[in-house]
PDB file of all heavy atoms in Angstrom:
ATOM      1  N   LEU A   1     124.737  96.768 108.496  1.00  0.00           N
ATOM      2  CA  LEU A   1     125.160  98.137 108.755  1.00  0.00           C
ATOM      3  C   LEU A   1     126.640  98.199 109.071  1.00  0.00           C
ATOM      4  O   LEU A   1     127.248  97.224 109.492  1.00  0.00           O
ATOM      5  CB  LEU A   1     124.343  98.763 109.893  1.00  0.00           C
ATOM      6  CG  LEU A   1     124.030  97.921 111.130  1.00  0.00           C
ATOM      7  CD1 LEU A   1     125.153  97.980 112.131  1.00  0.00           C
ATOM      8  CD2 LEU A   1     122.742  98.406 111.748  1.00  0.00           C
ATOM      9  N   ALA A   2     127.219  99.381 108.806  1.00  0.00           N
ATOM     10  CA  ALA A   2     128.645  99.605 109.066  1.00  0.00           C
ATOM     11  C   ALA A   2     128.871 101.106 109.228  1.00  0.00           C
ATOM     12  O   ALA A   2     128.132 101.922 108.673  1.00  0.00           O
ATOM     13  CB  ALA A   2     129.499  99.063 107.921  1.00  0.00           C
ATOM     14  N   TRP A   3     129.914 101.449 109.992  1.00  0.00           N
ATOM     15  CA  TRP A   3     130.281 102.858 110.199  1.00  0.00           C
ATOM     16  C   TRP A   3     131.349 103.253 109.197  1.00  0.00           C
ATOM     17  O   TRP A   3     132.287 102.495 108.949  1.00  0.00           O
ATOM     18  CB  TRP A   3     130.824 103.061 111.615  1.00  0.00           C
ATOM     19  CG  TRP A   3     129.802 102.824 112.675  1.00  0.00           C
ATOM     20  CD1 TRP A   3     129.639 101.685 113.406  1.00  0.00           C
ATOM     21  CD2 TRP A   3     128.790 103.734 113.119  1.00  0.00           C
ATOM     22  NE1 TRP A   3     128.582 101.830 114.281  1.00  0.00           N
ATOM     23  CE2 TRP A   3     128.045 103.084 114.120  1.00  0.00           C
ATOM     24  CE3 TRP A   3     128.442 105.038 112.768  1.00  0.00           C
ATOM     25  CZ2 TRP A   3     126.980 103.682 114.774  1.00  0.00           C
ATOM     26  CZ3 TRP A   3     127.382 105.641 113.416  1.00  0.00           C
ATOM     27  CH2 TRP A   3     126.658 104.968 114.409  1.00  0.00           C
ATOM     28  N   ASP A   4     131.243 104.467 108.644  1.00  0.00           N
ATOM     29  CA  ASP A   4     132.321 104.968 107.801  1.00  0.00           C
ATOM     30  C   ASP A   4     133.323 105.743 108.665  1.00  0.00           C
ATOM     31  O   ASP A   4     133.147 105.871 109.877  1.00  0.00           O
ATOM     32  CB  ASP A   4     131.785 105.796 106.627  1.00  0.00           C
ATOM     33  CG  ASP A   4     131.222 107.156 107.022  1.00  0.00           C
ATOM     34  OD1 ASP A   4     131.336 107.568 108.200  1.00  0.00           O
ATOM     35  OD2 ASP A   4     130.662 107.835 106.136  1.00  0.00           O
ATOM     36  N   LYS A   5     134.370 106.265 108.049  1.00  0.00           N
ATOM     37  CA  LYS A   5     135.436 106.947 108.803  1.00  0.00           C
ATOM     38  C   LYS A   5     134.977 108.272 109.416  1.00  0.00           C
ATOM     39  O   LYS A   5     135.626 108.796 110.305  1.00  0.00           O
ATOM     40  CB  LYS A   5     136.630 107.209 107.877  1.00  0.00           C
ATOM     41  CG  LYS A   5     137.413 105.956 107.558  1.00  0.00           C
ATOM     42  CD  LYS A   5     138.664 106.280 106.816  1.00  0.00           C
ATOM     43  CE  LYS A   5     139.635 106.897 107.795  1.00  0.00           C
ATOM     44  NZ  LYS A   5     141.026 106.779 107.390  1.00  0.00           N
ATOM     45  N   ARG A   6     133.866 108.819 108.939  1.00  0.00           N
ATOM     46  CA  ARG A   6     133.357 110.091 109.457  1.00  0.00           C
ATOM     47  C   ARG A   6     132.345 109.890 110.582  1.00  0.00           C
ATOM     48  O   ARG A   6     131.719 110.843 111.030  1.00  0.00           O
ATOM     49  CB  ARG A   6     132.730 110.883 108.324  1.00  0.00           C
ATOM     50  CG  ARG A   6     133.697 111.220 107.200  1.00  0.00           C
ATOM     51  CD  ARG A   6     132.971 111.916 106.049  1.00  0.00           C
ATOM     52  NE  ARG A   6     133.827 112.023 104.900  1.00  0.00           N
ATOM     53  CZ  ARG A   6     133.859 111.167 103.890  1.00  0.00           C
ATOM     54  NH1 ARG A   6     133.065 110.111 103.903  1.00  0.00           N
ATOM     55  NH2 ARG A   6     134.660 111.343 102.874  1.00  0.00           N
ATOM     56  N   GLY A   7     132.140 108.638 110.987  1.00  0.00           N
ATOM     57  CA  GLY A   7     131.176 108.358 112.050  1.00  0.00           C
ATOM     58  C   GLY A   7     129.741 108.334 111.576  1.00  0.00           C
ATOM     59  O   GLY A   7     128.814 108.467 112.379  1.00  0.00           O
ATOM     60  N   GLN A   8     129.537 108.155 110.271  1.00  0.00           N
ATOM     61  CA  GLN A   8     128.193 108.037 109.719  1.00  0.00           C
ATOM     62  C   GLN A   8     127.847 106.556 109.586  1.00  0.00           C
ATOM     63  O   GLN A   8     128.697 105.746 109.208  1.00  0.00           O
ATOM     64  CB  GLN A   8     128.131 108.723 108.344  1.00  0.00           C
ATOM     65  CG  GLN A   8     128.427 110.203 108.444  1.00  0.00           C
ATOM     66  CD  GLN A   8     128.727 110.838 107.105  1.00  0.00           C
ATOM     67  OE1 GLN A   8     128.259 111.929 106.863  1.00  0.00           O
ATOM     68  NE2 GLN A   8     129.498 110.202 106.247  1.00  0.00           N
ATOM     69  N   LEU A   9     126.609 106.231 109.902  1.00  0.00           N
ATOM     70  CA  LEU A   9     126.146 104.852 109.792  1.00  0.00           C
ATOM     71  C   LEU A   9     125.598 104.632 108.388  1.00  0.00           C
ATOM     72  O   LEU A   9     124.753 105.405 107.914  1.00  0.00           O
ATOM     73  CB  LEU A   9     125.066 104.576 110.832  1.00  0.00           C
ATOM     74  CG  LEU A   9     124.554 103.139 110.899  1.00  0.00           C
ATOM     75  CD1 LEU A   9     125.663 102.190 111.348  1.00  0.00           C
ATOM     76  CD2 LEU A   9     123.354 103.046 111.843  1.00  0.00           C
ATOM     77  N   ILE A  10     126.072 103.576 107.729  1.00  0.00           N
ATOM     78  CA  ILE A  10     125.603 103.211 106.395  1.00  0.00           C
ATOM     79  C   ILE A  10     124.848 101.885 106.530  1.00  0.00           C
ATOM     80  O   ILE A  10     125.365 100.927 107.100  1.00  0.00           O
ATOM     81  CB  ILE A  10     126.779 103.060 105.408  1.00  0.00           C
ATOM     82  CG1 ILE A  10     127.690 104.293 105.443  1.00  0.00           C
ATOM     83  CG2 ILE A  10     126.259 102.769 104.006  1.00  0.00           C
ATOM     84  CD1 ILE A  10     127.028 105.605 105.057  1.00  0.00           C
ATOM     85  N   VAL A  11     123.615 101.856 106.017  1.00  0.00           N
ATOM     86  CA  VAL A  11     122.725 100.712 106.223  1.00  0.00           C
ATOM     87  C   VAL A  11     122.234 100.169 104.885  1.00  0.00           C
ATOM     88  O   VAL A  11     121.829 100.935 104.002  1.00  0.00           O
ATOM     89  CB  VAL A  11     121.512 101.117 107.097  1.00  0.00           C
ATOM     90  CG1 VAL A  11     120.568  99.932 107.303  1.00  0.00           C
ATOM     91  CG2 VAL A  11     121.967 101.680 108.435  1.00  0.00           C
ATOM     92  N   ALA A  12     122.282  98.853 104.735  1.00  0.00           N
ATOM     93  CA  ALA A  12     121.671  98.162 103.597  1.00  0.00           C
ATOM     94  C   ALA A  12     120.240  97.813 103.994  1.00  0.00           C
ATOM     95  O   ALA A  12     120.008  97.189 105.029  1.00  0.00           O
ATOM     96  CB  ALA A  12     122.457  96.900 103.255  1.00  0.00           C
ATOM     97  N   ASN A  13     119.276  98.215 103.174  1.00  0.00           N
ATOM     98  CA  ASN A  13     117.854  97.999 103.455  1.00  0.00           C
ATOM     99  C   ASN A  13     117.271  97.003 102.458  1.00  0.00           C
ATOM    100  O   ASN A  13     117.440  97.163 101.245  1.00  0.00           O
ATOM    101  CB  ASN A  13     117.088  99.319 103.339  1.00  0.00           C
ATOM    102  CG  ASN A  13     117.668 100.398 104.221  1.00  0.00           C
ATOM    103  OD1 ASN A  13     117.623 100.308 105.442  1.00  0.00           O
ATOM    104  ND2 ASN A  13     118.241 101.430 103.611  1.00  0.00           N
ATOM    105  N   ALA A  14     116.574  95.990 102.975  1.00  0.00           N
ATOM    106  CA  ALA A  14     116.032  94.934 102.114  1.00  0.00           C
ATOM    107  C   ALA A  14     114.812  95.385 101.318  1.00  0.00           C
ATOM    108  O   ALA A  14     114.483  94.786 100.305  1.00  0.00           O
ATOM    109  CB  ALA A  14     115.690  93.700 102.941  1.00  0.00           C
ATOM    110  N   GLY A  15     114.109  96.433 101.754  1.00  0.00           N
ATOM    111  CA  GLY A  15     112.987  96.964 100.996  1.00  0.00           C
ATOM    112  C   GLY A  15     111.639  96.497 101.496  1.00  0.00           C
ATOM    113  O   GLY A  15     111.515  95.574 102.292  1.00  0.00           O
ATOM    114  N   SER A  16     110.605  97.148 100.998  1.00  0.00           N
ATOM    115  CA  SER A  16     109.240  96.899 101.454  1.00  0.00           C
ATOM    116  C   SER A  16     108.644  95.639 100.834  1.00  0.00           C
ATOM    117  O   SER A  16     108.753  95.426  99.623  1.00  0.00           O
ATOM    118  CB  SER A  16     108.345  98.096 101.099  1.00  0.00           C
ATOM    119  OG  SER A  16     106.996  97.795 101.376  1.00  0.00           O
ATOM    120  N   PRO A  17     107.959  94.822 101.656  1.00  0.00           N
ATOM    121  CA  PRO A  17     107.249  93.670 101.104  1.00  0.00           C
ATOM    122  C   PRO A  17     105.878  94.050 100.556  1.00  0.00           C
ATOM    123  O   PRO A  17     105.177  93.210 100.005  1.00  0.00           O
ATOM    124  CB  PRO A  17     107.111  92.742 102.313  1.00  0.00           C
ATOM    125  CG  PRO A  17     107.069  93.664 103.482  1.00  0.00           C
ATOM    126  CD  PRO A  17     107.938  94.836 103.130  1.00  0.00           C
ATOM    127  N   PHE A  18     105.480  95.332 100.689  1.00  0.00           N
ATOM    128  CA  PHE A  18     104.113  95.755 100.369  1.00  0.00           C
ATOM    129  C   PHE A  18     103.980  96.447  99.020  1.00  0.00           C
ATOM    130  O   PHE A  18     102.932  96.969  98.696  1.00  0.00           O
ATOM    131  CB  PHE A  18     103.594  96.687 101.461  1.00  0.00           C
ATOM    132  CG  PHE A  18     103.702  96.101 102.842  1.00  0.00           C
ATOM    133  CD1 PHE A  18     104.507  96.706 103.791  1.00  0.00           C
ATOM    134  CD2 PHE A  18     103.034  94.930 103.180  1.00  0.00           C
ATOM    135  CE1 PHE A  18     104.626  96.169 105.073  1.00  0.00           C
ATOM    136  CE2 PHE A  18     103.152  94.388 104.448  1.00  0.00           C
ATOM    137  CZ  PHE A  18     103.941  95.006 105.394  1.00  0.00           C
ATOM    138  N   VAL A  19     105.039  96.490  98.225  1.00  0.00           N
ATOM    139  CA  VAL A  19     104.982  97.114  96.908  1.00  0.00           C
ATOM    140  C   VAL A  19     105.271  96.066  95.845  1.00  0.00           C
ATOM    141  O   VAL A  19     105.716  94.965  96.149  1.00  0.00           O
ATOM    142  CB  VAL A  19     105.996  98.279  96.789  1.00  0.00           C
ATOM    143  CG1 VAL A  19     105.683  99.381  97.796  1.00  0.00           C
ATOM    144  CG2 VAL A  19     107.420  97.788  96.964  1.00  0.00           C
ATOM    145  N   THR A  20     105.024  96.416  94.591  1.00  0.00           N
ATOM    146  CA  THR A  20     105.319  95.509  93.487  1.00  0.00           C
ATOM    147  C   THR A  20     106.295  96.187  92.553  1.00  0.00           C
ATOM    148  O   THR A  20     106.021  97.286  92.092  1.00  0.00           O
ATOM    149  CB  THR A  20     104.038  95.143  92.722  1.00  0.00           C
ATOM    150  OG1 THR A  20     103.104  94.572  93.633  1.00  0.00           O
ATOM    151  CG2 THR A  20     104.321  94.159  91.616  1.00  0.00           C
ATOM    152  N   PRO A  21     107.430  95.574  92.242  1.00  0.00           N
ATOM    153  CA  PRO A  21     107.907  94.339  92.841  1.00  0.00           C
ATOM    154  C   PRO A  21     108.363  94.561  94.279  1.00  0.00           C
ATOM    155  O   PRO A  21     108.801  95.659  94.646  1.00  0.00           O
ATOM    156  CB  PRO A  21     109.073  93.922  91.944  1.00  0.00           C
ATOM    157  CG  PRO A  21     109.558  95.191  91.346  1.00  0.00           C
ATOM    158  CD  PRO A  21     108.366  96.092  91.232  1.00  0.00           C
ATOM    159  N   ALA A  22     108.271  93.512  95.063  1.00  0.00           N
ATOM    160  CA  ALA A  22     108.592  93.600  96.489  1.00  0.00           C
ATOM    161  C   ALA A  22     110.105  93.646  96.701  1.00  0.00           C
ATOM    162  O   ALA A  22     110.885  93.202  95.872  1.00  0.00           O
ATOM    163  CB  ALA A  22     107.996  92.407  97.229  1.00  0.00           C
ATOM    164  N   PHE A  23     110.475  94.197  97.842  1.00  0.00           N
ATOM    165  CA  PHE A  23     111.857  94.183  98.344  1.00  0.00           C
ATOM    166  C   PHE A  23     112.849  94.935  97.444  1.00  0.00           C
ATOM    167  O   PHE A  23     113.951  94.475  97.201  1.00  0.00           O
ATOM    168  CB  PHE A  23     112.330  92.747  98.609  1.00  0.00           C
ATOM    169  CG  PHE A  23     111.461  92.026  99.593  1.00  0.00           C
ATOM    170  CD1 PHE A  23     110.630  90.992  99.176  1.00  0.00           C
ATOM    171  CD2 PHE A  23     111.457  92.387 100.928  1.00  0.00           C
ATOM    172  CE1 PHE A  23     109.805  90.333 100.088  1.00  0.00           C
ATOM    173  CE2 PHE A  23     110.638  91.728 101.843  1.00  0.00           C
ATOM    174  CZ  PHE A  23     109.820  90.706 101.420  1.00  0.00           C
ATOM    175  N   GLN A  24     112.421  96.111  96.959  1.00  0.00           N
ATOM    176  CA  GLN A  24     113.345  96.991  96.245  1.00  0.00           C
ATOM    177  C   GLN A  24     114.340  97.535  97.263  1.00  0.00           C
ATOM    178  O   GLN A  24     113.977  98.291  98.153  1.00  0.00           O
ATOM    179  CB  GLN A  24     112.590  98.137  95.573  1.00  0.00           C
ATOM    180  CG  GLN A  24     111.665  97.702  94.458  1.00  0.00           C
ATOM    181  CD  GLN A  24     112.431  97.216  93.240  1.00  0.00           C
ATOM    182  OE1 GLN A  24     113.318  97.896  92.755  1.00  0.00           O
ATOM    183  NE2 GLN A  24     112.093  96.039  92.758  1.00  0.00           N
ATOM    184  N   GLY A  25     115.600  97.158  97.158  1.00  0.00           N
ATOM    185  CA  GLY A  25     116.598  97.504  98.150  1.00  0.00           C
ATOM    186  C   GLY A  25     117.097  98.934  98.036  1.00  0.00           C
ATOM    187  O   GLY A  25     116.893  99.609  97.029  1.00  0.00           O
ATOM    188  N   SER A  26     117.753  99.388  99.100  1.00  0.00           N
ATOM    189  CA  SER A  26     118.332 100.729  99.105  1.00  0.00           C
ATOM    190  C   SER A  26     119.485 100.800 100.093  1.00  0.00           C
ATOM    191  O   SER A  26     119.719  99.887 100.880  1.00  0.00           O
ATOM    192  CB  SER A  26     117.264 101.778  99.467  1.00  0.00           C
ATOM    193  OG  SER A  26     116.861 101.649 100.816  1.00  0.00           O
ATOM    194  N   ALA A  27     120.194 101.922 100.027  1.00  0.00           N
ATOM    195  CA  ALA A  27     121.266 102.238 100.964  1.00  0.00           C
ATOM    196  C   ALA A  27     120.876 103.514 101.692  1.00  0.00           C
ATOM    197  O   ALA A  27     120.375 104.460 101.081  1.00  0.00           O
ATOM    198  CB  ALA A  27     122.580 102.437 100.223  1.00  0.00           C
ATOM    199  N   SER A  28     121.097 103.546 103.002  1.00  0.00           N
ATOM    200  CA  SER A  28     120.790 104.727 103.811  1.00  0.00           C
ATOM    201  C   SER A  28     122.011 105.175 104.581  1.00  0.00           C
ATOM    202  O   SER A  28     122.884 104.367 104.910  1.00  0.00           O
ATOM    203  CB  SER A  28     119.672 104.423 104.825  1.00  0.00           C
ATOM    204  OG  SER A  28     118.463 104.146 104.192  1.00  0.00           O
ATOM    205  N   SER A  29     122.034 106.456 104.911  1.00  0.00           N
ATOM    206  CA  SER A  29     123.081 106.985 105.780  1.00  0.00           C
ATOM    207  C   SER A  29     122.437 107.774 106.911  1.00  0.00           C
ATOM    208  O   SER A  29     121.353 108.342 106.755  1.00  0.00           O
ATOM    209  CB  SER A  29     124.057 107.864 104.997  1.00  0.00           C
ATOM    210  OG  SER A  29     123.394 108.973 104.431  1.00  0.00           O
ATOM    211  N   TYR A  30     123.140 107.783 108.060  1.00  0.00           N
ATOM    212  CA  TYR A  30     122.656 108.455 109.267  1.00  0.00           C
ATOM    213  C   TYR A  30     123.838 109.122 109.958  1.00  0.00           C
ATOM    214  O   TYR A  30     124.956 108.602 109.945  1.00  0.00           O
ATOM    215  CB  TYR A  30     122.051 107.446 110.258  1.00  0.00           C
ATOM    216  CG  TYR A  30     120.876 106.666 109.737  1.00  0.00           C
ATOM    217  CD1 TYR A  30     121.057 105.548 108.932  1.00  0.00           C
ATOM    218  CD2 TYR A  30     119.571 107.026 110.069  1.00  0.00           C
ATOM    219  CE1 TYR A  30     119.982 104.813 108.456  1.00  0.00           C
ATOM    220  CE2 TYR A  30     118.494 106.295 109.602  1.00  0.00           C
ATOM    221  CZ  TYR A  30     118.695 105.192 108.794  1.00  0.00           C
ATOM    222  OH  TYR A  30     117.634 104.467 108.332  1.00  0.00           O
ATOM    223  N   SER A  31     123.566 110.239 110.609  1.00  0.00           N
ATOM    224  CA  SER A  31     124.554 110.817 111.520  1.00  0.00           C
ATOM    225  C   SER A  31     124.179 110.414 112.938  1.00  0.00           C
ATOM    226  O   SER A  31     123.033 110.035 113.208  1.00  0.00           O
ATOM    227  CB  SER A  31     124.593 112.349 111.388  1.00  0.00           C
ATOM    228  OG  SER A  31     123.352 112.914 111.789  1.00  0.00           O
ATOM    229  N   LEU A  32     125.140 110.489 113.856  1.00  0.00           N
ATOM    230  CA  LEU A  32     124.921 110.066 115.244  1.00  0.00           C
ATOM    231  C   LEU A  32     125.283 111.200 116.183  1.00  0.00           C
ATOM    232  O   LEU A  32     126.337 111.806 116.073  1.00  0.00           O
ATOM    233  CB  LEU A  32     125.779 108.836 115.560  1.00  0.00           C
ATOM    234  CG  LEU A  32     125.698 108.300 116.989  1.00  0.00           C
ATOM    235  CD1 LEU A  32     124.324 107.689 117.267  1.00  0.00           C
ATOM    236  CD2 LEU A  32     126.787 107.263 117.229  1.00  0.00           C
ATOM    237  N   SER A  33     124.384 111.475 117.128  1.00  0.00           N
ATOM    238  CA  SER A  33     124.653 112.421 118.209  1.00  0.00           C
ATOM    239  C   SER A  33     124.184 111.760 119.500  1.00  0.00           C
ATOM    240  O   SER A  33     122.986 111.530 119.681  1.00  0.00           O
ATOM    241  CB  SER A  33     123.899 113.737 117.985  1.00  0.00           C
ATOM    242  OG  SER A  33     124.116 114.622 119.076  1.00  0.00           O
TER     243      SER A  33
END
């Protein structure tokens, strides 16, 4: 995870082990209050 200049959290996600194919990755963003 890392913060961008706007104070949003950007997260690399390894993905679910319960689907086929497993571990399909994604990127997420969050705001903080």
